[in-house]
Amino acid sequence: MNQNILIKGEPQKSKSALIVTIIGVLLILASFYVAIYVYLKGYPRYVWDVPYRRIYYHSFVNFYIESFFVYNCYGWMLIIGALIVIVGIIMKLCTEKCELTVTDEAVFGKRIFRKKVYIPLNEITSIKPWPFSGVLISSITGVSIFPCFKNRNDIIKVLTPLITKSQQTSSQTINTINKNSNEIERLKDLKVLLDDGVITQEEFELMKNQILNL
């Protein structure tokens, strides 16, 4: 069965991923600045045989490698900065590649880590805005998050009435099923009374018509 596409998500750049990446790069640059500053100042280095003896290195590279974790933690700054950059890149790759399509029957697409999702409208319980211009969709099978869409508000605007209509239809169906179940039970009870001779055939037909609203 063909489904009518009502709206598709328009991916956008992740500002959070960009901010995280910039912080990491700045931390890496700061680590080099600290290393150069310490090298030019010629700070003393602790040596086991002679405490606080001043050491002069032949080159900055030689100093940088040998004193990586010694002065002002510039080595740790570099490592932490590199890790933050990696996190930023992962955030970018995971969030900017999400896909979301809303049809008159279901919501489907790809969420974080490119995981494919297909959610029928009658299974969706709620939809909410999510940080990073994202959409959070709750369903009877779980929660799906789709971040970074330019038209996030339009998606919610289109999807909200569809969910409400689907929930109302489901509620009416459940009420109809419950009503039919009650009618069947009452008819069964009447049949038992008829078979036991408690009521006559005419009384049975009259009460049956009342139950079925005939």
Protein backbone atom coordinates (compact mmCIF):
# COMPACT_ATOMS: atom_id res chain seq x y z
CA MET A 1 0.00 0.00 0.00
CA ASN A 2 1.32 3.39 -1.02
CA GLN A 3 1.67 5.96 1.73
CA ASN A 4 1.27 9.69 1.24
CA ILE A 5 4.34 11.60 2.43
CA LEU A 6 3.21 14.55 4.53
CA ILE A 7 6.59 16.00 5.56
CA LYS A 8 10.27 15.08 5.55
CA GLY A 9 12.91 16.23 8.00
CA GLU A 10 15.47 18.72 6.68
CA PRO A 11 18.86 17.91 8.31
CA GLN A 12 20.94 20.78 9.67
CA LYS A 13 24.45 21.21 11.05
CA SER A 14 24.87 20.24 14.69
CA LYS A 15 25.85 23.38 16.62
CA SER A 16 26.63 21.32 19.71
CA ALA A 17 29.04 19.09 17.79
CA LEU A 18 30.73 22.19 16.35
CA ILE A 19 31.08 23.78 19.80
CA VAL A 20 32.54 20.59 21.29
CA THR A 21 35.01 20.27 18.42
CA ILE A 22 36.12 23.91 18.75
CA ILE A 23 36.68 23.45 22.50
CA GLY A 24 38.86 20.43 21.80
CA VAL A 25 40.90 22.26 19.16
CA LEU A 26 41.41 25.25 21.49
CA LEU A 27 42.60 22.92 24.24
CA ILE A 28 45.09 21.32 21.86
CA LEU A 29 46.40 24.74 20.79
CA ALA A 30 46.62 25.79 24.44
CA SER A 31 48.73 22.70 25.21
CA PHE A 32 51.24 23.70 22.53
CA TYR A 33 51.27 27.27 23.83
CA VAL A 34 52.04 26.06 27.36
CA ALA A 35 54.76 23.74 26.05
CA ILE A 36 56.43 26.54 24.06
CA TYR A 37 56.19 28.92 27.00
CA VAL A 38 57.82 26.42 29.36
CA TYR A 39 60.52 25.59 26.80
CA LEU A 40 61.45 29.22 26.26
CA LYS A 41 61.45 29.97 29.99
CA GLY A 42 63.80 27.06 30.63
CA TYR A 43 62.05 25.86 33.79
CA PRO A 44 64.07 23.42 35.96
CA ARG A 45 63.22 19.76 35.80
CA TYR A 46 63.37 17.39 38.77
CA VAL A 47 66.12 14.77 38.37
CA TRP A 48 66.59 11.99 40.91
CA ASP A 49 70.30 12.53 41.45
CA VAL A 50 70.25 16.33 41.64
CA PRO A 51 66.90 17.94 42.64
CA TYR A 52 65.76 20.91 40.57
CA ARG A 53 68.69 20.96 38.19
CA ARG A 54 68.21 23.22 35.16
CA ILE A 55 68.23 21.27 31.91
CA TYR A 56 68.53 22.75 28.42
CA TYR A 57 67.24 20.73 25.49
CA HIS A 58 68.70 20.74 22.01
CA SER A 59 65.35 21.35 20.36
CA PHE A 60 61.71 22.00 21.19
CA VAL A 61 60.78 18.58 19.82
CA ASN A 62 63.28 16.92 22.15
CA PHE A 63 61.88 18.89 25.08
CA TYR A 64 58.26 18.19 24.09
CA ILE A 65 58.75 14.43 23.92
CA GLU A 66 60.84 14.03 27.08
CA SER A 67 58.76 16.37 29.23
CA PHE A 68 55.30 15.44 27.94
CA PHE A 69 53.72 14.96 31.38
CA VAL A 70 56.11 17.10 33.45
CA TYR A 71 55.35 20.82 33.08
CA ASN A 72 51.96 22.35 33.73
CA CYS A 73 50.11 19.27 32.42
CA TYR A 74 50.38 20.32 28.77
CA GLY A 75 50.57 16.64 27.85
CA TRP A 76 47.27 15.94 29.56
CA MET A 77 45.79 19.03 27.92
CA LEU A 78 46.72 17.63 24.52
CA ILE A 79 45.24 14.21 25.26
CA ILE A 80 42.00 15.62 26.68
CA GLY A 81 41.70 18.06 23.79
CA ALA A 82 42.17 15.25 21.25
CA LEU A 83 39.51 13.15 23.00
CA ILE A 84 37.08 16.09 22.96
CA VAL A 85 37.68 16.58 19.24
CA ILE A 86 36.94 12.90 18.64
CA VAL A 87 33.71 13.20 20.63
CA GLY A 88 32.71 16.25 18.58
CA ILE A 89 33.36 14.40 15.32
CA ILE A 90 31.32 11.40 16.50
CA MET A 91 28.47 13.73 17.54
CA LYS A 92 28.56 15.36 14.10
CA LEU A 93 28.51 12.05 12.23
CA CYS A 94 25.72 10.62 14.40
CA THR A 95 23.37 13.60 14.55
CA GLU A 96 23.65 15.19 11.12
CA LYS A 97 22.87 11.95 9.28
CA CYS A 98 19.47 11.33 10.86
CA GLU A 99 16.42 10.99 8.60
CA LEU A 100 12.71 11.38 9.38
CA THR A 101 9.66 11.00 7.13
CA VAL A 102 6.04 11.37 8.21
CA THR A 103 3.29 9.73 6.15
CA ASP A 104 -0.44 9.31 6.71
CA GLU A 105 0.24 5.86 8.18
CA ALA A 106 3.61 5.85 9.89
CA VAL A 107 6.85 7.58 10.84
CA PHE A 108 10.10 6.11 9.56
CA GLY A 109 13.71 7.05 9.01
CA LYS A 110 17.13 6.73 10.60
CA ARG A 111 17.95 7.93 14.11
CA ILE A 112 21.28 8.23 15.93
CA PHE A 113 23.94 5.73 14.75
CA ARG A 114 21.93 5.31 11.51
CA LYS A 115 19.52 2.85 13.10
CA LYS A 116 16.44 2.37 10.92
CA VAL A 117 13.06 2.97 12.55
CA TYR A 118 9.48 2.34 11.40
CA ILE A 119 6.67 3.37 13.75
CA PRO A 120 2.98 3.05 12.75
CA LEU A 121 0.90 6.06 13.81
CA ASN A 122 -1.37 3.90 15.98
CA GLU A 123 1.65 2.88 18.08
CA ILE A 124 2.84 6.43 18.81
CA THR A 125 1.87 7.72 22.26
CA SER A 126 3.48 11.19 22.23
CA ILE A 127 5.84 13.54 20.42
CA LYS A 128 8.03 16.20 22.04
CA PRO A 129 10.76 18.66 21.02
CA TRP A 130 14.28 17.53 21.93
CA PRO A 131 17.52 19.50 22.39
CA PHE A 132 19.71 20.10 19.32
CA SER A 133 16.61 20.80 17.17
CA GLY A 134 15.50 17.23 17.62
CA VAL A 135 12.26 15.30 17.90
CA LEU A 136 11.49 12.67 20.55
CA ILE A 137 8.83 10.13 19.60
CA SER A 138 7.45 7.80 22.27
CA SER A 139 5.66 4.64 21.19
CA ILE A 140 4.48 1.38 22.70
CA THR A 141 7.78 -0.19 21.57
CA GLY A 142 10.11 2.45 23.04
CA VAL A 143 11.56 5.93 22.53
CA SER A 144 13.18 7.21 19.33
CA ILE A 145 15.21 10.44 19.12
CA PHE A 146 15.82 12.21 15.81
CA PRO A 147 18.16 15.24 16.29
CA CYS A 148 19.12 18.18 14.09
CA PHE A 149 16.25 19.17 11.79
CA LYS A 150 15.68 22.67 10.43
CA ASN A 151 11.91 22.09 10.29
CA ARG A 152 11.56 20.42 13.70
CA ASN A 153 8.55 22.58 14.64
CA ASP A 154 6.79 21.83 11.34
CA ILE A 155 7.28 18.09 11.90
CA ILE A 156 5.68 18.32 15.35
CA LYS A 157 2.86 20.49 13.97
CA VAL A 158 2.04 17.92 11.28
CA LEU A 159 2.45 14.85 13.46
CA THR A 160 0.53 16.00 16.56
CA PRO A 161 -3.01 15.96 15.01
CA LEU A 162 -2.26 12.64 13.32
CA ILE A 163 -1.38 11.10 16.67
CA THR A 164 -4.50 12.58 18.31
CA LYS A 165 -6.73 11.25 15.52
CA SER A 166 -5.10 7.82 15.67
CA GLN A 167 -5.55 7.66 19.45
CA GLN A 168 -9.21 8.63 19.14
CA THR A 169 -9.77 5.97 16.48
CA SER A 170 -8.06 3.36 18.64
CA SER A 171 -10.20 4.38 21.62
CA GLN A 172 -13.39 4.11 19.59
CA THR A 173 -12.34 0.70 18.30
CA ILE A 174 -11.65 -0.53 21.82
CA ASN A 175 -15.03 0.78 23.01
CA THR A 176 -16.77 -0.96 20.12
CA ILE A 177 -15.01 -4.23 20.88
CA ASN A 178 -15.91 -3.96 24.58
CA LYS A 179 -19.52 -3.18 23.69
CA ASN A 180 -19.74 -6.13 21.32
CA SER A 181 -18.17 -8.40 23.94
CA ASN A 182 -20.76 -7.31 26.52
CA GLU A 183 -23.61 -7.90 24.07
CA ILE A 184 -22.32 -11.38 23.26
CA GLU A 185 -22.08 -12.27 26.94
CA ARG A 186 -25.62 -11.05 27.61
CA LEU A 187 -26.97 -13.01 24.64
CA LYS A 188 -25.22 -16.12 25.91
CA ASP A 189 -26.86 -15.65 29.29
CA LEU A 190 -30.26 -15.24 27.64
CA LYS A 191 -29.74 -18.42 25.62
CA VAL A 192 -28.95 -20.32 28.80
CA LEU A 193 -32.18 -19.01 30.38
CA LEU A 194 -34.11 -20.02 27.27
CA ASP A 195 -32.62 -23.52 27.23
CA ASP A 196 -33.38 -23.96 30.91
CA GLY A 197 -36.98 -22.93 30.34
CA VAL A 198 -36.70 -19.85 32.56
CA ILE A 199 -37.90 -17.56 29.73
CA THR A 200 -40.04 -18.20 26.67
CA GLN A 201 -38.99 -17.84 23.06
CA GLU A 202 -40.99 -14.61 22.76
CA GLU A 203 -39.26 -13.15 25.83
CA PHE A 204 -35.91 -14.23 24.45
CA GLU A 205 -36.55 -12.51 21.12
CA LEU A 206 -37.76 -9.33 22.83
CA MET A 207 -34.73 -9.08 25.14
CA LYS A 208 -32.36 -9.96 22.29
CA ASN A 209 -33.74 -7.10 20.20
CA GLN A 210 -33.33 -4.73 23.15
CA ILE A 211 -29.67 -5.75 23.58
CA LEU A 212 -28.97 -5.35 19.86
CA ASN A 213 -30.98 -2.11 19.69
CA LEU A 214 -33.22 -3.55 16.97
